[in-house]
Amino acid sequence: MSLSSFCVPVVAELLYAARNPSRVTYNLKTHNDFIESCSILNIMKETAGRYSIHRLQLKHQGRPIPENDLWIASRCLEQSVPLCTEDAHFDGIDGLVIIR
């Protein structure tokens, strides 16, 4: 897997970000061009299993995180790849390597 591979929740987050500010038309074109140059990874049964484990763990810790972020973290764990993020809520996920 290369740095240009993303799972569907990442694509959704990119498109959300593109639609949020004032230059929507420009942002959507730029984001869609970038997304088209990337590989889109499927979420598999193993990803769902990891998702359920970590969601329960975070619930018991009283530290739930947004759903999309949990899917993204689960896919990173499944593929043994680091996650590039500034979001501190990922720190509660055991085994996830984070690049800041």
PDB file of N, CA and C in Angstrom:
ATOM      1  N   MET A   1       0.839  -1.168   0.000  1.00  0.00           N
ATOM      2  CA  MET A   1       0.000   0.000   0.000  1.00  0.00           C
ATOM      3  C   MET A   1       0.892   1.242   0.000  1.00  0.00           C
ATOM      4  N   SER A   2       0.560   2.199  -0.828  1.00  0.00           N
ATOM      5  CA  SER A   2       1.334   3.431  -0.918  1.00  0.00           C
ATOM      6  C   SER A   2       0.670   4.536  -0.090  1.00  0.00           C
ATOM      7  N   LEU A   3       1.349   5.664  -0.015  1.00  0.00           N
ATOM      8  CA  LEU A   3       0.778   6.804   0.695  1.00  0.00           C
ATOM      9  C   LEU A   3      -0.432   7.368  -0.029  1.00  0.00           C
ATOM     10  N   SER A   4      -0.656   6.936  -1.260  1.00  0.00           N
ATOM     11  CA  SER A   4      -1.793   7.432  -2.026  1.00  0.00           C
ATOM     12  C   SER A   4      -2.953   6.452  -1.996  1.00  0.00           C
ATOM     13  N   SER A   5      -3.078   5.703  -0.929  1.00  0.00           N
ATOM     14  CA  SER A   5      -4.188   4.773  -0.746  1.00  0.00           C
ATOM     15  C   SER A   5      -5.001   5.196   0.464  1.00  0.00           C
ATOM     16  N   PHE A   6      -6.324   5.239   0.278  1.00  0.00           N
ATOM     17  CA  PHE A   6      -7.206   5.656   1.358  1.00  0.00           C
ATOM     18  C   PHE A   6      -8.418   4.748   1.422  1.00  0.00           C
ATOM     19  N   CYS A   7      -9.008   4.628   2.601  1.00  0.00           N
ATOM     20  CA  CYS A   7     -10.274   3.916   2.716  1.00  0.00           C
ATOM     21  C   CYS A   7     -11.412   4.926   2.526  1.00  0.00           C
ATOM     22  N   VAL A   8     -12.582   4.418   2.274  1.00  0.00           N
ATOM     23  CA  VAL A   8     -13.739   5.253   1.933  1.00  0.00           C
ATOM     24  C   VAL A   8     -14.018   6.353   2.967  1.00  0.00           C
ATOM     25  N   PRO A   9     -13.921   6.101   4.276  1.00  0.00           N
ATOM     26  CA  PRO A   9     -14.166   7.199   5.216  1.00  0.00           C
ATOM     27  C   PRO A   9     -13.199   8.376   5.045  1.00  0.00           C
ATOM     28  N   VAL A  10     -11.963   8.120   4.598  1.00  0.00           N
ATOM     29  CA  VAL A  10     -11.032   9.218   4.354  1.00  0.00           C
ATOM     30  C   VAL A  10     -11.519  10.048   3.176  1.00  0.00           C
ATOM     31  N   VAL A  11     -11.970   9.363   2.121  1.00  0.00           N
ATOM     32  CA  VAL A  11     -12.511  10.069   0.958  1.00  0.00           C
ATOM     33  C   VAL A  11     -13.703  10.932   1.385  1.00  0.00           C
ATOM     34  N   ALA A  12     -14.576  10.374   2.211  1.00  0.00           N
ATOM     35  CA  ALA A  12     -15.738  11.137   2.691  1.00  0.00           C
ATOM     36  C   ALA A  12     -15.296  12.372   3.475  1.00  0.00           C
ATOM     37  N   GLU A  13     -14.291  12.229   4.311  1.00  0.00           N
ATOM     38  CA  GLU A  13     -13.791  13.364   5.091  1.00  0.00           C
ATOM     39  C   GLU A  13     -13.169  14.421   4.179  1.00  0.00           C
ATOM     40  N   LEU A  14     -12.438  14.001   3.151  1.00  0.00           N
ATOM     41  CA  LEU A  14     -11.854  14.952   2.204  1.00  0.00           C
ATOM     42  C   LEU A  14     -12.945  15.734   1.468  1.00  0.00           C
ATOM     43  N   LEU A  15     -13.983  15.034   1.036  1.00  0.00           N
ATOM     44  CA  LEU A  15     -15.073  15.698   0.317  1.00  0.00           C
ATOM     45  C   LEU A  15     -15.860  16.625   1.241  1.00  0.00           C
ATOM     46  N   TYR A  16     -16.030  16.230   2.488  1.00  0.00           N
ATOM     47  CA  TYR A  16     -16.676  17.100   3.468  1.00  0.00           C
ATOM     48  C   TYR A  16     -15.875  18.386   3.635  1.00  0.00           C
ATOM     49  N   ALA A  17     -14.563  18.242   3.768  1.00  0.00           N
ATOM     50  CA  ALA A  17     -13.699  19.418   3.926  1.00  0.00           C
ATOM     51  C   ALA A  17     -13.782  20.323   2.694  1.00  0.00           C
ATOM     52  N   ALA A  18     -13.866  19.731   1.523  1.00  0.00           N
ATOM     53  CA  ALA A  18     -13.942  20.517   0.291  1.00  0.00           C
ATOM     54  C   ALA A  18     -15.231  21.323   0.221  1.00  0.00           C
ATOM     55  N   ARG A  19     -16.310  20.765   0.734  1.00  0.00           N
ATOM     56  CA  ARG A  19     -17.610  21.435   0.661  1.00  0.00           C
ATOM     57  C   ARG A  19     -17.838  22.446   1.784  1.00  0.00           C
ATOM     58  N   ASN A  20     -17.005  22.430   2.783  1.00  0.00           N
ATOM     59  CA  ASN A  20     -17.216  23.246   3.965  1.00  0.00           C
ATOM     60  C   ASN A  20     -16.856  24.721   3.795  1.00  0.00           C
ATOM     61  N   PRO A  21     -15.717  25.084   3.207  1.00  0.00           N
ATOM     62  CA  PRO A  21     -15.366  26.504   3.121  1.00  0.00           C
ATOM     63  C   PRO A  21     -16.038  27.229   1.960  1.00  0.00           C
ATOM     64  N   SER A  22     -15.598  28.444   1.722  1.00  0.00           N
ATOM     65  CA  SER A  22     -16.269  29.297   0.745  1.00  0.00           C
ATOM     66  C   SER A  22     -15.958  28.967  -0.716  1.00  0.00           C
ATOM     67  N   ARG A  23     -14.835  28.385  -1.032  1.00  0.00           N
ATOM     68  CA  ARG A  23     -14.463  28.109  -2.423  1.00  0.00           C
ATOM     69  C   ARG A  23     -14.818  26.676  -2.807  1.00  0.00           C
ATOM     70  N   VAL A  24     -16.056  26.318  -2.677  1.00  0.00           N
ATOM     71  CA  VAL A  24     -16.509  24.935  -2.844  1.00  0.00           C
ATOM     72  C   VAL A  24     -16.183  24.384  -4.226  1.00  0.00           C
ATOM     73  N   THR A  25     -16.482  25.119  -5.286  1.00  0.00           N
ATOM     74  CA  THR A  25     -16.252  24.617  -6.641  1.00  0.00           C
ATOM     75  C   THR A  25     -14.776  24.312  -6.869  1.00  0.00           C
ATOM     76  N   TYR A  26     -13.916  25.245  -6.520  1.00  0.00           N
ATOM     77  CA  TYR A  26     -12.470  25.033  -6.666  1.00  0.00           C
ATOM     78  C   TYR A  26     -11.997  23.875  -5.791  1.00  0.00           C
ATOM     79  N   ASN A  27     -12.434  23.867  -4.539  1.00  0.00           N
ATOM     80  CA  ASN A  27     -12.001  22.816  -3.606  1.00  0.00           C
ATOM     81  C   ASN A  27     -12.446  21.436  -4.075  1.00  0.00           C
ATOM     82  N   LEU A  28     -13.688  21.325  -4.533  1.00  0.00           N
ATOM     83  CA  LEU A  28     -14.172  20.021  -4.995  1.00  0.00           C
ATOM     84  C   LEU A  28     -13.359  19.514  -6.178  1.00  0.00           C
ATOM     85  N   LYS A  29     -13.040  20.399  -7.120  1.00  0.00           N
ATOM     86  CA  LYS A  29     -12.236  19.970  -8.266  1.00  0.00           C
ATOM     87  C   LYS A  29     -10.861  19.504  -7.798  1.00  0.00           C
ATOM     88  N   THR A  30     -10.221  20.289  -6.954  1.00  0.00           N
ATOM     89  CA  THR A  30      -8.889  19.942  -6.448  1.00  0.00           C
ATOM     90  C   THR A  30      -8.919  18.636  -5.669  1.00  0.00           C
ATOM     91  N   HIS A  31      -9.883  18.492  -4.772  1.00  0.00           N
ATOM     92  CA  HIS A  31      -9.985  17.277  -3.959  1.00  0.00           C
ATOM     93  C   HIS A  31     -10.317  16.067  -4.832  1.00  0.00           C
ATOM     94  N   ASN A  32     -11.253  16.229  -5.767  1.00  0.00           N
ATOM     95  CA  ASN A  32     -11.614  15.107  -6.642  1.00  0.00           C
ATOM     96  C   ASN A  32     -10.456  14.695  -7.534  1.00  0.00           C
ATOM     97  N   ASP A  33      -9.685  15.647  -8.034  1.00  0.00           N
ATOM     98  CA  ASP A  33      -8.492  15.309  -8.824  1.00  0.00           C
ATOM     99  C   ASP A  33      -7.518  14.482  -7.987  1.00  0.00           C
ATOM    100  N   PHE A  34      -7.328  14.914  -6.745  1.00  0.00           N
ATOM    101  CA  PHE A  34      -6.432  14.175  -5.854  1.00  0.00           C
ATOM    102  C   PHE A  34      -6.976  12.776  -5.573  1.00  0.00           C
ATOM    103  N   ILE A  35      -8.253  12.692  -5.242  1.00  0.00           N
ATOM    104  CA  ILE A  35      -8.866  11.398  -4.926  1.00  0.00           C
ATOM    105  C   ILE A  35      -8.770  10.446  -6.114  1.00  0.00           C
ATOM    106  N   GLU A  36      -8.983  10.963  -7.320  1.00  0.00           N
ATOM    107  CA  GLU A  36      -8.901  10.136  -8.529  1.00  0.00           C
ATOM    108  C   GLU A  36      -7.501   9.572  -8.746  1.00  0.00           C
ATOM    109  N   SER A  37      -6.485  10.246  -8.220  1.00  0.00           N
ATOM    110  CA  SER A  37      -5.110   9.773  -8.393  1.00  0.00           C
ATOM    111  C   SER A  37      -4.717   8.727  -7.339  1.00  0.00           C
ATOM    112  N   CYS A  38      -5.624   8.443  -6.424  1.00  0.00           N
ATOM    113  CA  CYS A  38      -5.342   7.529  -5.312  1.00  0.00           C
ATOM    114  C   CYS A  38      -6.054   6.190  -5.489  1.00  0.00           C
ATOM    115  N   SER A  39      -5.587   5.213  -4.758  1.00  0.00           N
ATOM    116  CA  SER A  39      -6.275   3.931  -4.668  1.00  0.00           C
ATOM    117  C   SER A  39      -7.281   4.008  -3.526  1.00  0.00           C
ATOM    118  N   ILE A  40      -8.495   3.516  -3.769  1.00  0.00           N
ATOM    119  CA  ILE A  40      -9.521   3.498  -2.735  1.00  0.00           C
ATOM    120  C   ILE A  40      -9.608   2.074  -2.197  1.00  0.00           C
ATOM    121  N   LEU A  41      -9.394   1.931  -0.909  1.00  0.00           N
ATOM    122  CA  LEU A  41      -9.372   0.624  -0.272  1.00  0.00           C
ATOM    123  C   LEU A  41     -10.747   0.271   0.281  1.00  0.00           C
ATOM    124  N   ASN A  42     -11.128  -0.972   0.112  1.00  0.00           N
ATOM    125  CA  ASN A  42     -12.390  -1.447   0.673  1.00  0.00           C
ATOM    126  C   ASN A  42     -12.252  -1.684   2.169  1.00  0.00           C
ATOM    127  N   ILE A  43     -13.361  -1.557   2.853  1.00  0.00           N
ATOM    128  CA  ILE A  43     -13.410  -1.959   4.258  1.00  0.00           C
ATOM    129  C   ILE A  43     -13.884  -3.405   4.276  1.00  0.00           C
ATOM    130  N   MET A  44     -13.095  -4.254   4.881  1.00  0.00           N
ATOM    131  CA  MET A  44     -13.349  -5.686   4.855  1.00  0.00           C
ATOM    132  C   MET A  44     -13.868  -6.170   6.219  1.00  0.00           C
ATOM    133  N   LYS A  45     -14.201  -7.450   6.264  1.00  0.00           N
ATOM    134  CA  LYS A  45     -14.705  -8.061   7.497  1.00  0.00           C
ATOM    135  C   LYS A  45     -13.693  -7.916   8.633  1.00  0.00           C
ATOM    136  N   GLU A  46     -12.418  -8.072   8.322  1.00  0.00           N
ATOM    137  CA  GLU A  46     -11.388  -7.928   9.361  1.00  0.00           C
ATOM    138  C   GLU A  46     -11.389  -6.504   9.918  1.00  0.00           C
ATOM    139  N   THR A  47     -11.587  -5.520   9.044  1.00  0.00           N
ATOM    140  CA  THR A  47     -11.660  -4.129   9.488  1.00  0.00           C
ATOM    141  C   THR A  47     -12.826  -3.950  10.455  1.00  0.00           C
ATOM    142  N   ALA A  48     -13.966  -4.535  10.105  1.00  0.00           N
ATOM    143  CA  ALA A  48     -15.152  -4.439  10.963  1.00  0.00           C
ATOM    144  C   ALA A  48     -14.896  -5.079  12.327  1.00  0.00           C
ATOM    145  N   GLY A  49     -14.171  -6.187  12.333  1.00  0.00           N
ATOM    146  CA  GLY A  49     -13.834  -6.835  13.600  1.00  0.00           C
ATOM    147  C   GLY A  49     -12.971  -5.941  14.473  1.00  0.00           C
ATOM    148  N   ARG A  50     -11.958  -5.340  13.866  1.00  0.00           N
ATOM    149  CA  ARG A  50     -11.093  -4.420  14.612  1.00  0.00           C
ATOM    150  C   ARG A  50     -11.896  -3.207  15.099  1.00  0.00           C
ATOM    151  N   TYR A  51     -12.753  -2.693  14.232  1.00  0.00           N
ATOM    152  CA  TYR A  51     -13.614  -1.560  14.590  1.00  0.00           C
ATOM    153  C   TYR A  51     -14.403  -1.879  15.860  1.00  0.00           C
ATOM    154  N   SER A  52     -15.036  -3.068  15.888  1.00  0.00           N
ATOM    155  CA  SER A  52     -15.878  -3.425  17.035  1.00  0.00           C
ATOM    156  C   SER A  52     -15.060  -3.546  18.324  1.00  0.00           C
ATOM    157  N   ILE A  53     -13.861  -4.096  18.209  1.00  0.00           N
ATOM    158  CA  ILE A  53     -12.992  -4.250  19.383  1.00  0.00           C
ATOM    159  C   ILE A  53     -12.592  -2.880  19.930  1.00  0.00           C
ATOM    160  N   HIS A  54     -12.149  -2.011  19.051  1.00  0.00           N
ATOM    161  CA  HIS A  54     -11.669  -0.702  19.508  1.00  0.00           C
ATOM    162  C   HIS A  54     -12.808   0.218  19.929  1.00  0.00           C
ATOM    163  N   ARG A  55     -13.956   0.086  19.293  1.00  0.00           N
ATOM    164  CA  ARG A  55     -15.107   0.898  19.716  1.00  0.00           C
ATOM    165  C   ARG A  55     -15.509   0.536  21.136  1.00  0.00           C
ATOM    166  N   LEU A  56     -15.540  -0.763  21.431  1.00  0.00           N
ATOM    167  CA  LEU A  56     -15.888  -1.214  22.771  1.00  0.00           C
ATOM    168  C   LEU A  56     -14.836  -0.781  23.786  1.00  0.00           C
ATOM    169  N   GLN A  57     -13.560  -0.913  23.412  1.00  0.00           N
ATOM    170  CA  GLN A  57     -12.470  -0.495  24.296  1.00  0.00           C
ATOM    171  C   GLN A  57     -12.605   0.993  24.634  1.00  0.00           C
ATOM    172  N   LEU A  58     -12.825   1.816  23.621  1.00  0.00           N
ATOM    173  CA  LEU A  58     -12.950   3.260  23.845  1.00  0.00           C
ATOM    174  C   LEU A  58     -14.200   3.592  24.661  1.00  0.00           C
ATOM    175  N   LYS A  59     -15.277   2.848  24.442  1.00  0.00           N
ATOM    176  CA  LYS A  59     -16.504   3.050  25.226  1.00  0.00           C
ATOM    177  C   LYS A  59     -16.244   2.780  26.693  1.00  0.00           C
ATOM    178  N   HIS A  60     -15.552   1.670  26.982  1.00  0.00           N
ATOM    179  CA  HIS A  60     -15.249   1.323  28.379  1.00  0.00           C
ATOM    180  C   HIS A  60     -14.311   2.348  29.024  1.00  0.00           C
ATOM    181  N   GLN A  61     -13.469   2.978  28.221  1.00  0.00           N
ATOM    182  CA  GLN A  61     -12.566   4.009  28.725  1.00  0.00           C
ATOM    183  C   GLN A  61     -13.274   5.357  28.860  1.00  0.00           C
ATOM    184  N   GLY A  62     -14.508   5.449  28.344  1.00  0.00           N
ATOM    185  CA  GLY A  62     -15.217   6.720  28.357  1.00  0.00           C
ATOM    186  C   GLY A  62     -14.618   7.716  27.382  1.00  0.00           C
ATOM    187  N   ARG A  63     -14.006   7.189  26.298  1.00  0.00           N
ATOM    188  CA  ARG A  63     -13.322   8.049  25.320  1.00  0.00           C
ATOM    189  C   ARG A  63     -13.742   7.713  23.890  1.00  0.00           C
ATOM    190  N   PRO A  64     -15.036   7.734  23.586  1.00  0.00           N
ATOM    191  CA  PRO A  64     -15.444   7.431  22.210  1.00  0.00           C
ATOM    192  C   PRO A  64     -14.907   8.490  21.250  1.00  0.00           C
ATOM    193  N   ILE A  65     -14.712   8.084  19.993  1.00  0.00           N
ATOM    194  CA  ILE A  65     -14.256   9.011  18.965  1.00  0.00           C
ATOM    195  C   ILE A  65     -15.247   8.976  17.801  1.00  0.00           C
ATOM    196  N   PRO A  66     -15.182   9.937  16.894  1.00  0.00           N
ATOM    197  CA  PRO A  66     -16.100   9.936  15.760  1.00  0.00           C
ATOM    198  C   PRO A  66     -16.023   8.633  14.946  1.00  0.00           C
ATOM    199  N   GLU A  67     -17.183   8.213  14.444  1.00  0.00           N
ATOM    200  CA  GLU A  67     -17.294   6.945  13.721  1.00  0.00           C
ATOM    201  C   GLU A  67     -16.301   6.832  12.570  1.00  0.00           C
ATOM    202  N   ASN A  68     -16.244   7.842  11.703  1.00  0.00           N
ATOM    203  CA  ASN A  68     -15.322   7.763  10.569  1.00  0.00           C
ATOM    204  C   ASN A  68     -13.886   7.584  11.027  1.00  0.00           C
ATOM    205  N   ASP A  69     -13.516   8.275  12.086  1.00  0.00           N
ATOM    206  CA  ASP A  69     -12.152   8.159  12.588  1.00  0.00           C
ATOM    207  C   ASP A  69     -11.858   6.752  13.095  1.00  0.00           C
ATOM    208  N   LEU A  70     -12.841   6.120  13.682  1.00  0.00           N
ATOM    209  CA  LEU A  70     -12.656   4.751  14.152  1.00  0.00           C
ATOM    210  C   LEU A  70     -12.488   3.783  12.981  1.00  0.00           C
ATOM    211  N   TRP A  71     -13.256   3.981  11.902  1.00  0.00           N
ATOM    212  CA  TRP A  71     -13.074   3.153  10.692  1.00  0.00           C
ATOM    213  C   TRP A  71     -11.678   3.356  10.110  1.00  0.00           C
ATOM    214  N   ILE A  72     -11.238   4.606  10.057  1.00  0.00           N
ATOM    215  CA  ILE A  72      -9.913   4.917   9.507  1.00  0.00           C
ATOM    216  C   ILE A  72      -8.821   4.255  10.350  1.00  0.00           C
ATOM    217  N   ALA A  73      -8.914   4.377  11.657  1.00  0.00           N
ATOM    218  CA  ALA A  73      -7.925   3.764  12.546  1.00  0.00           C
ATOM    219  C   ALA A  73      -7.930   2.243  12.410  1.00  0.00           C
ATOM    220  N   SER A  74      -9.100   1.659  12.294  1.00  0.00           N
ATOM    221  CA  SER A  74      -9.208   0.198  12.168  1.00  0.00           C
ATOM    222  C   SER A  74      -8.563  -0.288  10.881  1.00  0.00           C
ATOM    223  N   ARG A  75      -8.744   0.453   9.802  1.00  0.00           N
ATOM    224  CA  ARG A  75      -8.134   0.065   8.523  1.00  0.00           C
ATOM    225  C   ARG A  75      -6.618   0.213   8.597  1.00  0.00           C
ATOM    226  N   CYS A  76      -6.126   1.268   9.242  1.00  0.00           N
ATOM    227  CA  CYS A  76      -4.679   1.428   9.429  1.00  0.00           C
ATOM    228  C   CYS A  76      -4.100   0.273  10.232  1.00  0.00           C
ATOM    229  N   LEU A  77      -4.781  -0.109  11.294  1.00  0.00           N
ATOM    230  CA  LEU A  77      -4.316  -1.232  12.108  1.00  0.00           C
ATOM    231  C   LEU A  77      -4.310  -2.529  11.305  1.00  0.00           C
ATOM    232  N   GLU A  78      -5.360  -2.736  10.515  1.00  0.00           N
ATOM    233  CA  GLU A  78      -5.445  -3.951   9.704  1.00  0.00           C
ATOM    234  C   GLU A  78      -4.281  -4.047   8.726  1.00  0.00           C
ATOM    235  N   GLN A  79      -3.903  -2.919   8.128  1.00  0.00           N
ATOM    236  CA  GLN A  79      -2.840  -2.897   7.127  1.00  0.00           C
ATOM    237  C   GLN A  79      -1.463  -2.641   7.734  1.00  0.00           C
ATOM    238  N   SER A  80      -1.396  -2.443   9.049  1.00  0.00           N
ATOM    239  CA  SER A  80      -0.137  -2.142   9.748  1.00  0.00           C
ATOM    240  C   SER A  80       0.552  -0.914   9.155  1.00  0.00           C
ATOM    241  N   VAL A  81      -0.238   0.135   8.945  1.00  0.00           N
ATOM    242  CA  VAL A  81       0.320   1.389   8.446  1.00  0.00           C
ATOM    243  C   VAL A  81       0.038   2.500   9.459  1.00  0.00           C
ATOM    244  N   PRO A  82       0.929   3.484   9.529  1.00  0.00           N
ATOM    245  CA  PRO A  82       0.695   4.599  10.462  1.00  0.00           C
ATOM    246  C   PRO A  82      -0.401   5.518   9.963  1.00  0.00           C
ATOM    247  N   LEU A  83      -0.953   6.278  10.882  1.00  0.00           N
ATOM    248  CA  LEU A  83      -1.970   7.274  10.573  1.00  0.00           C
ATOM    249  C   LEU A  83      -1.364   8.659  10.747  1.00  0.00           C
ATOM    250  N   CYS A  84      -1.451   9.476   9.721  1.00  0.00           N
ATOM    251  CA  CYS A  84      -1.002  10.870   9.775  1.00  0.00           C
ATOM    252  C   CYS A  84      -2.170  11.723  10.249  1.00  0.00           C
ATOM    253  N   THR A  85      -2.055  12.319  11.415  1.00  0.00           N
ATOM    254  CA  THR A  85      -3.161  13.114  11.955  1.00  0.00           C
ATOM    255  C   THR A  85      -2.668  14.057  13.030  1.00  0.00           C
ATOM    256  N   GLU A  86      -3.450  15.076  13.279  1.00  0.00           N
ATOM    257  CA  GLU A  86      -3.225  15.984  14.407  1.00  0.00           C
ATOM    258  C   GLU A  86      -4.263  15.747  15.500  1.00  0.00           C
ATOM    259  N   ASP A  87      -5.221  14.857  15.252  1.00  0.00           N
ATOM    260  CA  ASP A  87      -6.313  14.611  16.202  1.00  0.00           C
ATOM    261  C   ASP A  87      -5.843  13.751  17.373  1.00  0.00           C
ATOM    262  N   ALA A  88      -5.868  14.311  18.560  1.00  0.00           N
ATOM    263  CA  ALA A  88      -5.384  13.619  19.758  1.00  0.00           C
ATOM    264  C   ALA A  88      -6.274  12.456  20.169  1.00  0.00           C
ATOM    265  N   HIS A  89      -7.544  12.435  19.723  1.00  0.00           N
ATOM    266  CA  HIS A  89      -8.425  11.356  20.176  1.00  0.00           C
ATOM    267  C   HIS A  89      -7.993   9.990  19.654  1.00  0.00           C
ATOM    268  N   PHE A  90      -7.113   9.935  18.655  1.00  0.00           N
ATOM    269  CA  PHE A  90      -6.590   8.654  18.179  1.00  0.00           C
ATOM    270  C   PHE A  90      -5.614   8.032  19.179  1.00  0.00           C
ATOM    271  N   ASP A  91      -5.110   8.824  20.111  1.00  0.00           N
ATOM    272  CA  ASP A  91      -4.121   8.335  21.077  1.00  0.00           C
ATOM    273  C   ASP A  91      -4.648   7.193  21.937  1.00  0.00           C
ATOM    274  N   GLY A  92      -5.944   7.076  22.093  1.00  0.00           N
ATOM    275  CA  GLY A  92      -6.517   6.031  22.932  1.00  0.00           C
ATOM    276  C   GLY A  92      -6.664   4.683  22.252  1.00  0.00           C
ATOM    277  N   ILE A  93      -6.224   4.559  21.011  1.00  0.00           N
ATOM    278  CA  ILE A  93      -6.386   3.301  20.283  1.00  0.00           C
ATOM    279  C   ILE A  93      -5.091   2.505  20.359  1.00  0.00           C
ATOM    280  N   ASP A  94      -5.149   1.402  21.081  1.00  0.00           N
ATOM    281  CA  ASP A  94      -3.982   0.556  21.291  1.00  0.00           C
ATOM    282  C   ASP A  94      -3.400   0.056  19.977  1.00  0.00           C
ATOM    283  N   GLY A  95      -2.082   0.191  19.835  1.00  0.00           N
ATOM    284  CA  GLY A  95      -1.380  -0.361  18.687  1.00  0.00           C
ATOM    285  C   GLY A  95      -1.336   0.538  17.471  1.00  0.00           C
ATOM    286  N   LEU A  96      -2.069   1.630  17.472  1.00  0.00           N
ATOM    287  CA  LEU A  96      -2.099   2.533  16.319  1.00  0.00           C
ATOM    288  C   LEU A  96      -0.856   3.428  16.347  1.00  0.00           C
ATOM    289  N   VAL A  97      -0.101   3.390  15.261  1.00  0.00           N
ATOM    290  CA  VAL A  97       1.076   4.249  15.123  1.00  0.00           C
ATOM    291  C   VAL A  97       0.621   5.566  14.493  1.00  0.00           C
ATOM    292  N   ILE A  98       0.945   6.658  15.158  1.00  0.00           N
ATOM    293  CA  ILE A  98       0.498   7.972  14.702  1.00  0.00           C
ATOM    294  C   ILE A  98       1.686   8.822  14.320  1.00  0.00           C
ATOM    295  N   ILE A  99       1.567   9.474  13.162  1.00  0.00           N
ATOM    296  CA  ILE A  99       2.563  10.445  12.702  1.00  0.00           C
ATOM    297  C   ILE A  99       1.919  11.814  12.813  1.00  0.00           C
ATOM    298  N   ARG A 100       2.579  12.691  13.508  1.00  0.00           N
ATOM    299  CA  ARG A 100       2.050  14.058  13.680  1.00  0.00           C
ATOM    300  C   ARG A 100       2.799  15.016  12.780  1.00  0.00           C
TER     301      ARG A 100
END
